[in-house]
Amino acid sequence: MKSVGAFSGLGVLCVAASVVLYGLLHVLPPSAGLDWTSRTISQYALLSNGWVFDVATLLLAAGSVAVVVALRRAGLVRRGATVALLLWVVGLVGVVWFEKHNWASGPSLSGDVHRAASLVAFLSLPAGALLAAAPWLRDTAARLVALGGVVSLLCFSPILWALVSESWTGVRWWRAIPLGGVERALGLAEVATVLLLAWWAGRTTRQRE
């Protein structure tokens, strides 16, 4: 069971490093000049220090894989939860591999795939967290994981509302809400959920020893 602790610890380190890099993008030029309330996080990838965004996102993906391995070895997740959590990883890699629309030159196929990958990532993680926690809700750690999934979905709800309401308000969905701020709140909730999953795996293993 030591491998569970090793994988969960590795996951936490990777995720923590990714958070630091995302934070640096908000304070270092030229990315510090972006309006974080309206511009999405992936907008940073189009700047000269965009490699920081790519590294941070891939670290988050790698850390998430390590956490999934820890959960599997601890016997905490079944197939459905595993698939959902791995789709989160696939979505993160897709966000890096396919660059978002650069509206200075117009829309692109890469940007369309990027948007789809973002949607997959944003929805797969809370789904995976809820599926993982559901059979174990007597456990405090599992309830916290489920709470992380619920909060993540609540953070996504303004985006869903903006998409749905566009048909009768006439306001384009990305203008109807402070999209950058909403996305950052969602990102923080999902990172916290990954960390809770890692903690749950490690805690369960220690209780069994």
N, C-alpha and C. Protein backbone atom coordinates (compact mmCIF):
# COMPACT_ATOMS: atom_id res chain seq x y z
N MET A 1 0.81 -1.21 0.00
CA MET A 1 0.00 0.00 0.00
C MET A 1 0.85 1.27 0.00
N LYS A 2 2.17 1.11 0.14
CA LYS A 2 3.04 2.29 0.11
C LYS A 2 2.96 3.00 -1.24
N SER A 3 2.69 2.23 -2.29
CA SER A 3 2.61 2.83 -3.61
C SER A 3 1.46 3.82 -3.71
N VAL A 4 0.39 3.59 -2.94
CA VAL A 4 -0.73 4.53 -2.94
C VAL A 4 -0.29 5.88 -2.43
N GLY A 5 0.45 5.87 -1.32
CA GLY A 5 0.96 7.12 -0.78
C GLY A 5 1.93 7.80 -1.72
N ALA A 6 2.75 7.00 -2.41
CA ALA A 6 3.72 7.56 -3.33
C ALA A 6 3.02 8.23 -4.51
N PHE A 7 2.02 7.56 -5.06
CA PHE A 7 1.32 8.14 -6.21
C PHE A 7 0.48 9.35 -5.81
N SER A 8 -0.18 9.27 -4.66
CA SER A 8 -0.98 10.42 -4.23
C SER A 8 -0.08 11.60 -3.91
N GLY A 9 1.08 11.34 -3.31
CA GLY A 9 2.04 12.42 -3.03
C GLY A 9 2.59 13.04 -4.29
N LEU A 10 2.90 12.19 -5.28
CA LEU A 10 3.37 12.70 -6.57
C LEU A 10 2.30 13.56 -7.22
N GLY A 11 1.06 13.10 -7.13
CA GLY A 11 -0.04 13.87 -7.70
C GLY A 11 -0.16 15.24 -7.07
N VAL A 12 -0.06 15.29 -5.75
CA VAL A 12 -0.15 16.57 -5.04
C VAL A 12 0.98 17.50 -5.46
N LEU A 13 2.20 16.98 -5.57
CA LEU A 13 3.34 17.81 -5.97
C LEU A 13 3.15 18.39 -7.36
N CYS A 14 2.69 17.56 -8.30
CA CYS A 14 2.47 18.05 -9.67
C CYS A 14 1.38 19.10 -9.71
N VAL A 15 0.30 18.84 -9.01
CA VAL A 15 -0.81 19.80 -9.01
C VAL A 15 -0.38 21.10 -8.35
N ALA A 16 0.34 21.02 -7.23
CA ALA A 16 0.81 22.23 -6.55
C ALA A 16 1.73 23.05 -7.46
N ALA A 17 2.62 22.36 -8.16
CA ALA A 17 3.52 23.06 -9.09
C ALA A 17 2.73 23.74 -10.20
N SER A 18 1.68 23.08 -10.68
CA SER A 18 0.86 23.68 -11.74
C SER A 18 0.17 24.94 -11.24
N VAL A 19 -0.32 24.92 -10.01
CA VAL A 19 -0.99 26.08 -9.44
C VAL A 19 -0.03 27.26 -9.33
N VAL A 20 1.21 26.98 -8.92
CA VAL A 20 2.22 28.05 -8.84
C VAL A 20 2.45 28.67 -10.21
N LEU A 21 2.57 27.84 -11.23
CA LEU A 21 2.81 28.36 -12.59
C LEU A 21 1.62 29.16 -13.10
N TYR A 22 0.41 28.68 -12.84
CA TYR A 22 -0.77 29.46 -13.23
C TYR A 22 -0.77 30.81 -12.52
N GLY A 23 -0.39 30.78 -11.26
CA GLY A 23 -0.33 32.03 -10.51
C GLY A 23 0.68 33.00 -11.09
N LEU A 24 1.83 32.49 -11.50
CA LEU A 24 2.87 33.36 -12.08
C LEU A 24 2.38 34.04 -13.36
N LEU A 25 1.55 33.34 -14.13
CA LEU A 25 1.02 33.95 -15.35
C LEU A 25 0.21 35.21 -15.06
N HIS A 26 -0.34 35.30 -13.85
CA HIS A 26 -1.16 36.45 -13.50
C HIS A 26 -0.33 37.64 -13.01
N VAL A 27 0.95 37.42 -12.74
CA VAL A 27 1.76 38.51 -12.18
C VAL A 27 2.99 38.86 -13.03
N LEU A 28 3.36 38.00 -13.96
CA LEU A 28 4.53 38.26 -14.79
C LEU A 28 4.11 38.75 -16.17
N PRO A 29 4.86 39.71 -16.73
CA PRO A 29 4.55 40.17 -18.08
C PRO A 29 4.96 39.11 -19.10
N PRO A 30 4.33 39.09 -20.27
CA PRO A 30 3.24 39.98 -20.70
C PRO A 30 1.85 39.52 -20.26
N SER A 31 1.76 38.31 -19.70
CA SER A 31 0.45 37.76 -19.37
C SER A 31 -0.25 38.53 -18.26
N ALA A 32 0.53 39.20 -17.40
CA ALA A 32 -0.08 39.98 -16.32
C ALA A 32 -0.96 41.10 -16.86
N GLY A 33 -0.75 41.49 -18.10
CA GLY A 33 -1.52 42.58 -18.68
C GLY A 33 -2.91 42.19 -19.13
N LEU A 34 -3.22 40.89 -19.15
CA LEU A 34 -4.55 40.45 -19.58
C LEU A 34 -5.58 40.71 -18.48
N ASP A 35 -6.78 41.05 -18.88
CA ASP A 35 -7.88 41.22 -17.93
C ASP A 35 -8.39 39.84 -17.52
N TRP A 36 -8.07 39.43 -16.30
CA TRP A 36 -8.39 38.07 -15.88
C TRP A 36 -9.90 37.87 -15.69
N THR A 37 -10.67 38.95 -15.58
CA THR A 37 -12.11 38.80 -15.41
C THR A 37 -12.81 38.42 -16.71
N SER A 38 -12.24 38.81 -17.84
CA SER A 38 -12.90 38.55 -19.12
C SER A 38 -12.15 37.56 -20.01
N ARG A 39 -10.83 37.47 -19.86
CA ARG A 39 -10.04 36.58 -20.71
C ARG A 39 -9.88 35.21 -20.05
N THR A 40 -10.06 34.16 -20.84
CA THR A 40 -9.91 32.81 -20.30
C THR A 40 -8.45 32.50 -20.02
N ILE A 41 -8.23 31.49 -19.22
CA ILE A 41 -6.86 31.12 -18.85
C ILE A 41 -6.06 30.71 -20.08
N SER A 42 -6.70 30.02 -21.00
CA SER A 42 -5.97 29.53 -22.18
C SER A 42 -5.56 30.66 -23.11
N GLN A 43 -6.04 31.88 -22.88
CA GLN A 43 -5.58 33.02 -23.66
C GLN A 43 -4.08 33.23 -23.46
N TYR A 44 -3.58 32.83 -22.30
CA TYR A 44 -2.15 32.98 -22.00
C TYR A 44 -1.29 32.19 -22.99
N ALA A 45 -1.84 31.09 -23.52
CA ALA A 45 -1.07 30.24 -24.42
C ALA A 45 -0.71 30.97 -25.71
N LEU A 46 -1.42 32.04 -26.04
CA LEU A 46 -1.16 32.77 -27.27
C LEU A 46 -0.08 33.83 -27.10
N LEU A 47 0.42 34.01 -25.89
CA LEU A 47 1.42 35.04 -25.61
C LEU A 47 2.83 34.44 -25.65
N SER A 48 3.82 35.32 -25.54
CA SER A 48 5.21 34.86 -25.64
C SER A 48 5.61 33.95 -24.49
N ASN A 49 4.96 34.08 -23.34
CA ASN A 49 5.25 33.16 -22.23
C ASN A 49 4.17 32.08 -22.11
N GLY A 50 3.54 31.78 -23.25
CA GLY A 50 2.50 30.76 -23.26
C GLY A 50 2.97 29.37 -22.87
N TRP A 51 4.29 29.14 -23.00
CA TRP A 51 4.81 27.83 -22.61
C TRP A 51 4.55 27.55 -21.13
N VAL A 52 4.46 28.60 -20.32
CA VAL A 52 4.19 28.41 -18.89
C VAL A 52 2.79 27.80 -18.70
N PHE A 53 1.83 28.30 -19.48
CA PHE A 53 0.49 27.72 -19.43
C PHE A 53 0.52 26.25 -19.84
N ASP A 54 1.25 25.94 -20.91
CA ASP A 54 1.31 24.56 -21.40
C ASP A 54 1.91 23.64 -20.34
N VAL A 55 3.02 24.07 -19.74
CA VAL A 55 3.69 23.24 -18.72
C VAL A 55 2.77 23.05 -17.52
N ALA A 56 2.12 24.13 -17.10
CA ALA A 56 1.23 24.05 -15.93
C ALA A 56 0.08 23.07 -16.19
N THR A 57 -0.49 23.13 -17.37
CA THR A 57 -1.64 22.27 -17.69
C THR A 57 -1.21 20.80 -17.80
N LEU A 58 -0.04 20.57 -18.38
CA LEU A 58 0.45 19.19 -18.48
C LEU A 58 0.84 18.65 -17.11
N LEU A 59 1.35 19.50 -16.24
CA LEU A 59 1.63 19.07 -14.86
C LEU A 59 0.34 18.70 -14.14
N LEU A 60 -0.69 19.48 -14.35
CA LEU A 60 -1.99 19.16 -13.76
C LEU A 60 -2.51 17.83 -14.28
N ALA A 61 -2.33 17.59 -15.58
CA ALA A 61 -2.75 16.31 -16.17
C ALA A 61 -1.95 15.15 -15.59
N ALA A 62 -0.63 15.33 -15.50
CA ALA A 62 0.23 14.26 -14.96
C ALA A 62 -0.11 13.98 -13.50
N GLY A 63 -0.31 15.04 -12.72
CA GLY A 63 -0.69 14.86 -11.32
C GLY A 63 -2.01 14.13 -11.19
N SER A 64 -2.95 14.44 -12.08
CA SER A 64 -4.25 13.79 -12.03
C SER A 64 -4.14 12.31 -12.35
N VAL A 65 -3.27 11.95 -13.31
CA VAL A 65 -3.05 10.53 -13.61
C VAL A 65 -2.50 9.81 -12.38
N ALA A 66 -1.54 10.44 -11.70
CA ALA A 66 -0.97 9.82 -10.50
C ALA A 66 -2.05 9.62 -9.43
N VAL A 67 -2.95 10.58 -9.31
CA VAL A 67 -4.03 10.46 -8.32
C VAL A 67 -4.98 9.33 -8.70
N VAL A 68 -5.30 9.20 -9.98
CA VAL A 68 -6.17 8.10 -10.43
C VAL A 68 -5.52 6.75 -10.13
N VAL A 69 -4.21 6.64 -10.36
CA VAL A 69 -3.50 5.39 -10.04
C VAL A 69 -3.60 5.10 -8.55
N ALA A 70 -3.41 6.15 -7.72
CA ALA A 70 -3.51 5.96 -6.27
C ALA A 70 -4.91 5.50 -5.87
N LEU A 71 -5.92 6.11 -6.45
CA LEU A 71 -7.31 5.72 -6.14
C LEU A 71 -7.59 4.28 -6.56
N ARG A 72 -7.08 3.90 -7.73
CA ARG A 72 -7.29 2.53 -8.20
C ARG A 72 -6.60 1.52 -7.28
N ARG A 73 -5.38 1.83 -6.89
CA ARG A 73 -4.63 0.90 -6.03
C ARG A 73 -5.23 0.83 -4.63
N ALA A 74 -5.90 1.90 -4.22
CA ALA A 74 -6.57 1.90 -2.92
C ALA A 74 -7.95 1.24 -3.00
N GLY A 75 -8.38 0.89 -4.21
CA GLY A 75 -9.68 0.24 -4.39
C GLY A 75 -10.86 1.16 -4.19
N LEU A 76 -10.68 2.45 -4.46
CA LEU A 76 -11.73 3.43 -4.18
C LEU A 76 -12.57 3.81 -5.40
N VAL A 77 -12.08 3.52 -6.60
CA VAL A 77 -12.83 3.93 -7.78
C VAL A 77 -13.15 2.74 -8.67
N ARG A 78 -14.34 2.78 -9.24
CA ARG A 78 -14.77 1.75 -10.17
C ARG A 78 -14.57 2.26 -11.59
N ARG A 79 -15.02 1.44 -12.56
CA ARG A 79 -14.72 1.74 -13.95
C ARG A 79 -15.29 3.09 -14.40
N GLY A 80 -16.55 3.37 -14.05
CA GLY A 80 -17.17 4.62 -14.49
C GLY A 80 -16.43 5.84 -14.01
N ALA A 81 -16.06 5.85 -12.72
CA ALA A 81 -15.32 6.98 -12.17
C ALA A 81 -13.94 7.09 -12.80
N THR A 82 -13.30 5.95 -13.03
CA THR A 82 -11.98 5.96 -13.65
C THR A 82 -12.03 6.56 -15.04
N VAL A 83 -13.02 6.14 -15.83
CA VAL A 83 -13.16 6.68 -17.19
C VAL A 83 -13.38 8.18 -17.15
N ALA A 84 -14.26 8.64 -16.26
CA ALA A 84 -14.54 10.07 -16.17
C ALA A 84 -13.30 10.86 -15.78
N LEU A 85 -12.54 10.36 -14.82
CA LEU A 85 -11.33 11.05 -14.38
C LEU A 85 -10.26 11.06 -15.46
N LEU A 86 -10.18 9.99 -16.24
CA LEU A 86 -9.22 9.96 -17.34
C LEU A 86 -9.66 10.87 -18.48
N LEU A 87 -10.96 11.05 -18.66
CA LEU A 87 -11.44 12.01 -19.65
C LEU A 87 -11.04 13.43 -19.27
N TRP A 88 -11.01 13.70 -17.98
CA TRP A 88 -10.50 14.99 -17.48
C TRP A 88 -9.06 15.19 -17.94
N VAL A 89 -8.25 14.14 -17.83
CA VAL A 89 -6.86 14.21 -18.25
C VAL A 89 -6.77 14.41 -19.76
N VAL A 90 -7.55 13.66 -20.51
CA VAL A 90 -7.56 13.80 -21.96
C VAL A 90 -7.96 15.22 -22.36
N GLY A 91 -8.95 15.76 -21.68
CA GLY A 91 -9.37 17.13 -21.96
C GLY A 91 -8.26 18.13 -21.71
N LEU A 92 -7.52 17.97 -20.62
CA LEU A 92 -6.41 18.88 -20.31
C LEU A 92 -5.33 18.81 -21.39
N VAL A 93 -4.98 17.59 -21.80
CA VAL A 93 -3.97 17.44 -22.85
C VAL A 93 -4.47 18.05 -24.16
N GLY A 94 -5.76 17.86 -24.45
CA GLY A 94 -6.34 18.44 -25.65
C GLY A 94 -6.29 19.96 -25.65
N VAL A 95 -6.48 20.56 -24.48
CA VAL A 95 -6.42 22.02 -24.36
C VAL A 95 -5.04 22.54 -24.75
N VAL A 96 -4.00 21.78 -24.40
CA VAL A 96 -2.63 22.18 -24.74
C VAL A 96 -2.33 21.87 -26.21
N TRP A 97 -2.72 20.69 -26.65
CA TRP A 97 -2.37 20.23 -28.00
C TRP A 97 -3.04 21.08 -29.07
N PHE A 98 -4.30 21.46 -28.81
CA PHE A 98 -5.06 22.26 -29.77
C PHE A 98 -5.21 23.68 -29.23
N GLU A 99 -4.57 24.61 -29.89
CA GLU A 99 -4.57 25.99 -29.43
C GLU A 99 -5.94 26.63 -29.62
N LYS A 100 -6.32 27.51 -28.71
CA LYS A 100 -7.61 28.17 -28.79
C LYS A 100 -7.66 29.13 -29.98
N HIS A 101 -8.87 29.60 -30.29
CA HIS A 101 -9.03 30.57 -31.37
C HIS A 101 -8.16 31.80 -31.10
N ASN A 102 -7.43 32.21 -32.10
CA ASN A 102 -6.75 33.50 -32.04
C ASN A 102 -7.60 34.46 -32.89
N TRP A 103 -8.41 35.26 -32.23
CA TRP A 103 -9.37 36.08 -32.96
C TRP A 103 -8.72 37.18 -33.77
N ALA A 104 -7.41 37.39 -33.58
CA ALA A 104 -6.70 38.34 -34.43
C ALA A 104 -6.61 37.83 -35.87
N SER A 105 -6.64 36.49 -36.01
CA SER A 105 -6.57 35.89 -37.34
C SER A 105 -7.83 35.11 -37.69
N GLY A 106 -8.79 35.06 -36.78
CA GLY A 106 -10.06 34.40 -37.06
C GLY A 106 -10.17 33.01 -36.45
N PRO A 107 -11.36 32.41 -36.52
CA PRO A 107 -11.58 31.08 -35.93
C PRO A 107 -10.80 30.00 -36.67
N SER A 108 -10.63 28.87 -36.00
CA SER A 108 -9.85 27.77 -36.59
C SER A 108 -10.41 26.45 -36.10
N LEU A 109 -10.09 25.37 -36.82
CA LEU A 109 -10.47 24.03 -36.40
C LEU A 109 -9.82 23.70 -35.06
N SER A 110 -8.56 24.11 -34.89
CA SER A 110 -7.86 23.88 -33.63
C SER A 110 -8.62 24.52 -32.47
N GLY A 111 -9.12 25.73 -32.70
CA GLY A 111 -9.87 26.41 -31.66
C GLY A 111 -11.16 25.70 -31.30
N ASP A 112 -11.83 25.13 -32.30
CA ASP A 112 -13.06 24.37 -32.04
C ASP A 112 -12.77 23.13 -31.20
N VAL A 113 -11.68 22.42 -31.54
CA VAL A 113 -11.31 21.23 -30.76
C VAL A 113 -10.89 21.65 -29.35
N HIS A 114 -10.19 22.75 -29.24
CA HIS A 114 -9.77 23.28 -27.93
C HIS A 114 -10.99 23.52 -27.04
N ARG A 115 -12.01 24.14 -27.63
CA ARG A 115 -13.22 24.43 -26.85
C ARG A 115 -13.90 23.15 -26.41
N ALA A 116 -13.97 22.15 -27.31
CA ALA A 116 -14.58 20.87 -26.96
C ALA A 116 -13.78 20.16 -25.86
N ALA A 117 -12.44 20.22 -25.96
CA ALA A 117 -11.59 19.60 -24.93
C ALA A 117 -11.79 20.27 -23.58
N SER A 118 -11.95 21.59 -23.59
CA SER A 118 -12.20 22.32 -22.35
C SER A 118 -13.50 21.86 -21.71
N LEU A 119 -14.53 21.72 -22.53
CA LEU A 119 -15.83 21.28 -22.01
C LEU A 119 -15.74 19.88 -21.42
N VAL A 120 -15.04 18.98 -22.14
CA VAL A 120 -14.86 17.62 -21.63
C VAL A 120 -14.16 17.65 -20.28
N ALA A 121 -13.09 18.43 -20.17
CA ALA A 121 -12.34 18.50 -18.92
C ALA A 121 -13.19 19.06 -17.79
N PHE A 122 -13.86 20.19 -18.06
CA PHE A 122 -14.62 20.86 -17.00
C PHE A 122 -15.74 19.99 -16.45
N LEU A 123 -16.36 19.16 -17.28
CA LEU A 123 -17.48 18.35 -16.83
C LEU A 123 -17.07 16.97 -16.34
N SER A 124 -15.98 16.44 -16.88
CA SER A 124 -15.58 15.06 -16.53
C SER A 124 -15.07 14.96 -15.10
N LEU A 125 -14.34 15.97 -14.65
CA LEU A 125 -13.78 15.87 -13.29
C LEU A 125 -14.87 15.82 -12.22
N PRO A 126 -15.82 16.78 -12.21
CA PRO A 126 -16.87 16.65 -11.19
C PRO A 126 -17.68 15.38 -11.32
N ALA A 127 -17.91 14.93 -12.56
CA ALA A 127 -18.63 13.67 -12.75
C ALA A 127 -17.84 12.52 -12.14
N GLY A 128 -16.52 12.50 -12.39
CA GLY A 128 -15.68 11.45 -11.83
C GLY A 128 -15.63 11.49 -10.32
N ALA A 129 -15.55 12.69 -9.76
CA ALA A 129 -15.51 12.83 -8.30
C ALA A 129 -16.79 12.31 -7.67
N LEU A 130 -17.93 12.66 -8.26
CA LEU A 130 -19.21 12.23 -7.70
C LEU A 130 -19.39 10.72 -7.85
N LEU A 131 -18.99 10.17 -8.99
CA LEU A 131 -19.08 8.72 -9.19
C LEU A 131 -18.16 7.98 -8.23
N ALA A 132 -16.97 8.53 -8.00
CA ALA A 132 -16.03 7.88 -7.09
C ALA A 132 -16.53 7.89 -5.66
N ALA A 133 -17.08 9.02 -5.24
CA ALA A 133 -17.48 9.18 -3.84
C ALA A 133 -18.79 8.49 -3.50
N ALA A 134 -19.66 8.31 -4.49
CA ALA A 134 -21.02 7.82 -4.22
C ALA A 134 -21.10 6.55 -3.36
N PRO A 135 -20.27 5.52 -3.62
CA PRO A 135 -20.40 4.31 -2.80
C PRO A 135 -19.82 4.44 -1.39
N TRP A 136 -19.14 5.55 -1.10
CA TRP A 136 -18.40 5.68 0.15
C TRP A 136 -18.85 6.87 1.00
N LEU A 137 -20.07 7.30 0.86
CA LEU A 137 -20.49 8.56 1.47
C LEU A 137 -20.56 8.52 3.00
N ARG A 138 -20.38 7.35 3.59
CA ARG A 138 -20.27 7.30 5.05
C ARG A 138 -18.92 7.82 5.51
N ASP A 139 -17.97 7.88 4.59
CA ASP A 139 -16.61 8.36 4.88
C ASP A 139 -16.57 9.88 4.71
N THR A 140 -16.03 10.57 5.71
CA THR A 140 -15.95 12.03 5.66
C THR A 140 -15.16 12.50 4.44
N ALA A 141 -14.06 11.82 4.14
CA ALA A 141 -13.23 12.22 3.00
C ALA A 141 -14.01 12.09 1.69
N ALA A 142 -14.79 11.02 1.56
CA ALA A 142 -15.59 10.83 0.35
C ALA A 142 -16.64 11.92 0.23
N ARG A 143 -17.22 12.31 1.34
CA ARG A 143 -18.21 13.39 1.30
C ARG A 143 -17.57 14.71 0.87
N LEU A 144 -16.35 14.96 1.28
CA LEU A 144 -15.65 16.17 0.86
C LEU A 144 -15.33 16.13 -0.64
N VAL A 145 -14.97 14.94 -1.13
CA VAL A 145 -14.73 14.78 -2.57
C VAL A 145 -16.03 15.07 -3.33
N ALA A 146 -17.14 14.53 -2.84
CA ALA A 146 -18.43 14.79 -3.49
C ALA A 146 -18.77 16.28 -3.45
N LEU A 147 -18.47 16.92 -2.33
CA LEU A 147 -18.70 18.36 -2.22
C LEU A 147 -17.88 19.12 -3.26
N GLY A 148 -16.62 18.69 -3.45
CA GLY A 148 -15.79 19.31 -4.48
C GLY A 148 -16.41 19.19 -5.85
N GLY A 149 -17.00 18.02 -6.14
CA GLY A 149 -17.66 17.82 -7.42
C GLY A 149 -18.88 18.72 -7.58
N VAL A 150 -19.66 18.85 -6.51
CA VAL A 150 -20.85 19.69 -6.56
C VAL A 150 -20.47 21.16 -6.74
N VAL A 151 -19.47 21.63 -5.99
CA VAL A 151 -19.03 23.02 -6.11
C VAL A 151 -18.52 23.29 -7.52
N SER A 152 -17.80 22.33 -8.09
CA SER A 152 -17.30 22.49 -9.46
C SER A 152 -18.45 22.66 -10.45
N LEU A 153 -19.48 21.85 -10.29
CA LEU A 153 -20.64 21.96 -11.19
C LEU A 153 -21.36 23.30 -10.98
N LEU A 154 -21.44 23.76 -9.74
CA LEU A 154 -22.05 25.06 -9.48
C LEU A 154 -21.25 26.18 -10.12
N CYS A 155 -19.93 26.05 -10.10
CA CYS A 155 -19.08 27.06 -10.74
C CYS A 155 -19.24 27.04 -12.26
N PHE A 156 -19.59 25.89 -12.80
CA PHE A 156 -19.82 25.80 -14.24
C PHE A 156 -21.19 26.35 -14.65
N SER A 157 -22.12 26.39 -13.72
CA SER A 157 -23.51 26.74 -14.05
C SER A 157 -23.66 28.12 -14.69
N PRO A 158 -22.88 29.16 -14.32
CA PRO A 158 -23.03 30.43 -15.03
C PRO A 158 -22.73 30.32 -16.53
N ILE A 159 -21.77 29.47 -16.89
CA ILE A 159 -21.46 29.27 -18.30
C ILE A 159 -22.64 28.61 -19.00
N LEU A 160 -23.22 27.61 -18.35
CA LEU A 160 -24.37 26.92 -18.93
C LEU A 160 -25.54 27.89 -19.09
N TRP A 161 -25.78 28.72 -18.07
CA TRP A 161 -26.86 29.70 -18.14
C TRP A 161 -26.62 30.68 -19.29
N ALA A 162 -25.39 31.15 -19.44
CA ALA A 162 -25.07 32.09 -20.52
C ALA A 162 -25.33 31.46 -21.88
N LEU A 163 -24.99 30.18 -22.03
CA LEU A 163 -25.23 29.48 -23.30
C LEU A 163 -26.71 29.34 -23.59
N VAL A 164 -27.48 28.95 -22.58
CA VAL A 164 -28.90 28.71 -22.77
C VAL A 164 -29.66 30.02 -23.00
N SER A 165 -29.31 31.05 -22.23
CA SER A 165 -30.06 32.31 -22.28
C SER A 165 -29.76 33.14 -23.52
N GLU A 166 -28.68 32.79 -24.23
CA GLU A 166 -28.32 33.57 -25.42
C GLU A 166 -29.44 33.62 -26.44
N SER A 167 -30.23 32.55 -26.51
CA SER A 167 -31.27 32.47 -27.54
C SER A 167 -32.36 33.52 -27.35
N TRP A 168 -32.63 33.95 -26.12
CA TRP A 168 -33.67 34.95 -25.92
C TRP A 168 -33.14 36.32 -25.47
N THR A 169 -31.90 36.36 -24.95
CA THR A 169 -31.34 37.66 -24.57
C THR A 169 -30.63 38.34 -25.73
N GLY A 170 -30.13 37.51 -26.66
CA GLY A 170 -29.37 38.06 -27.78
C GLY A 170 -27.95 38.45 -27.42
N VAL A 171 -27.56 38.21 -26.17
CA VAL A 171 -26.21 38.53 -25.72
C VAL A 171 -25.34 37.30 -25.90
N ARG A 172 -24.23 37.45 -26.61
CA ARG A 172 -23.34 36.30 -26.82
C ARG A 172 -22.87 35.78 -25.48
N TRP A 173 -22.79 34.45 -25.37
CA TRP A 173 -22.60 33.83 -24.06
C TRP A 173 -21.31 34.26 -23.39
N TRP A 174 -20.25 34.51 -24.16
CA TRP A 174 -18.99 34.88 -23.54
C TRP A 174 -18.98 36.34 -23.07
N ARG A 175 -20.00 37.11 -23.46
CA ARG A 175 -20.14 38.48 -22.99
C ARG A 175 -21.16 38.62 -21.86
N ALA A 176 -21.98 37.60 -21.70
CA ALA A 176 -23.06 37.67 -20.72
C ALA A 176 -22.56 37.52 -19.29
N ILE A 177 -21.40 36.97 -19.12
CA ILE A 177 -20.81 36.74 -17.79
C ILE A 177 -19.34 37.16 -17.82
N PRO A 178 -18.75 37.43 -16.65
CA PRO A 178 -17.30 37.65 -16.61
C PRO A 178 -16.58 36.31 -16.79
N LEU A 179 -16.45 35.89 -18.05
CA LEU A 179 -16.04 34.52 -18.37
C LEU A 179 -14.71 34.14 -17.74
N GLY A 180 -13.75 35.05 -17.78
CA GLY A 180 -12.45 34.74 -17.20
C GLY A 180 -12.53 34.46 -15.70
N GLY A 181 -13.29 35.30 -15.00
CA GLY A 181 -13.45 35.09 -13.56
C GLY A 181 -14.17 33.80 -13.24
N VAL A 182 -15.23 33.52 -14.01
CA VAL A 182 -15.98 32.28 -13.80
C VAL A 182 -15.09 31.07 -14.05
N GLU A 183 -14.31 31.12 -15.14
CA GLU A 183 -13.45 29.99 -15.46
C GLU A 183 -12.38 29.78 -14.40
N ARG A 184 -11.85 30.85 -13.85
CA ARG A 184 -10.83 30.71 -12.81
C ARG A 184 -11.42 30.13 -11.53
N ALA A 185 -12.64 30.55 -11.18
CA ALA A 185 -13.30 29.97 -10.01
C ALA A 185 -13.54 28.47 -10.24
N LEU A 186 -13.97 28.12 -11.45
CA LEU A 186 -14.17 26.71 -11.79
C LEU A 186 -12.86 25.95 -11.72
N GLY A 187 -11.79 26.54 -12.27
CA GLY A 187 -10.48 25.88 -12.24
C GLY A 187 -10.00 25.63 -10.83
N LEU A 188 -10.18 26.62 -9.95
CA LEU A 188 -9.75 26.45 -8.55
C LEU A 188 -10.56 25.35 -7.87
N ALA A 189 -11.86 25.31 -8.14
CA ALA A 189 -12.70 24.27 -7.55
C ALA A 189 -12.27 22.88 -8.02
N GLU A 190 -11.91 22.77 -9.29
CA GLU A 190 -11.54 21.46 -9.82
C GLU A 190 -10.15 21.04 -9.34
N VAL A 191 -9.23 21.99 -9.23
CA VAL A 191 -7.92 21.66 -8.67
C VAL A 191 -8.08 21.20 -7.22
N ALA A 192 -8.92 21.91 -6.46
CA ALA A 192 -9.17 21.51 -5.08
C ALA A 192 -9.76 20.10 -5.01
N THR A 193 -10.61 19.76 -5.97
CA THR A 193 -11.22 18.43 -6.00
C THR A 193 -10.17 17.36 -6.27
N VAL A 194 -9.23 17.63 -7.18
CA VAL A 194 -8.15 16.68 -7.44
C VAL A 194 -7.32 16.47 -6.16
N LEU A 195 -7.04 17.55 -5.46
CA LEU A 195 -6.26 17.44 -4.21
C LEU A 195 -7.05 16.65 -3.16
N LEU A 196 -8.35 16.86 -3.11
CA LEU A 196 -9.18 16.09 -2.17
C LEU A 196 -9.16 14.60 -2.53
N LEU A 197 -9.19 14.29 -3.81
CA LEU A 197 -9.10 12.89 -4.24
C LEU A 197 -7.77 12.27 -3.81
N ALA A 198 -6.69 13.02 -3.95
CA ALA A 198 -5.38 12.53 -3.53
C ALA A 198 -5.34 12.30 -2.03
N TRP A 199 -5.90 13.25 -1.29
CA TRP A 199 -5.93 13.12 0.18
C TRP A 199 -6.77 11.92 0.60
N TRP A 200 -7.89 11.71 -0.07
CA TRP A 200 -8.76 10.58 0.23
C TRP A 200 -8.02 9.26 0.04
N ALA A 201 -7.30 9.13 -1.07
CA ALA A 201 -6.56 7.89 -1.32
C ALA A 201 -5.51 7.65 -0.24
N GLY A 202 -4.74 8.68 0.09
CA GLY A 202 -3.70 8.53 1.10
C GLY A 202 -4.28 8.25 2.48
N ARG A 203 -5.35 8.95 2.83
CA ARG A 203 -5.99 8.78 4.13
C ARG A 203 -6.55 7.38 4.29
N THR A 204 -7.19 6.88 3.27
CA THR A 204 -7.77 5.54 3.33
C THR A 204 -6.70 4.48 3.54
N THR A 205 -5.58 4.66 2.85
CA THR A 205 -4.48 3.70 2.99
C THR A 205 -3.91 3.72 4.39
N ARG A 206 -3.74 4.90 4.96
CA ARG A 206 -3.21 4.99 6.32
C ARG A 206 -4.17 4.36 7.34
N GLN A 207 -5.45 4.51 7.12
CA GLN A 207 -6.44 3.93 8.04
C GLN A 207 -6.42 2.40 8.00
N ARG A 208 -6.05 1.84 6.85
CA ARG A 208 -6.05 0.39 6.70
C ARG A 208 -4.80 -0.26 7.24
N GLU A 209 -3.76 0.52 7.41
CA GLU A 209 -2.49 -0.04 7.88
C GLU A 209 -2.53 -0.35 9.37
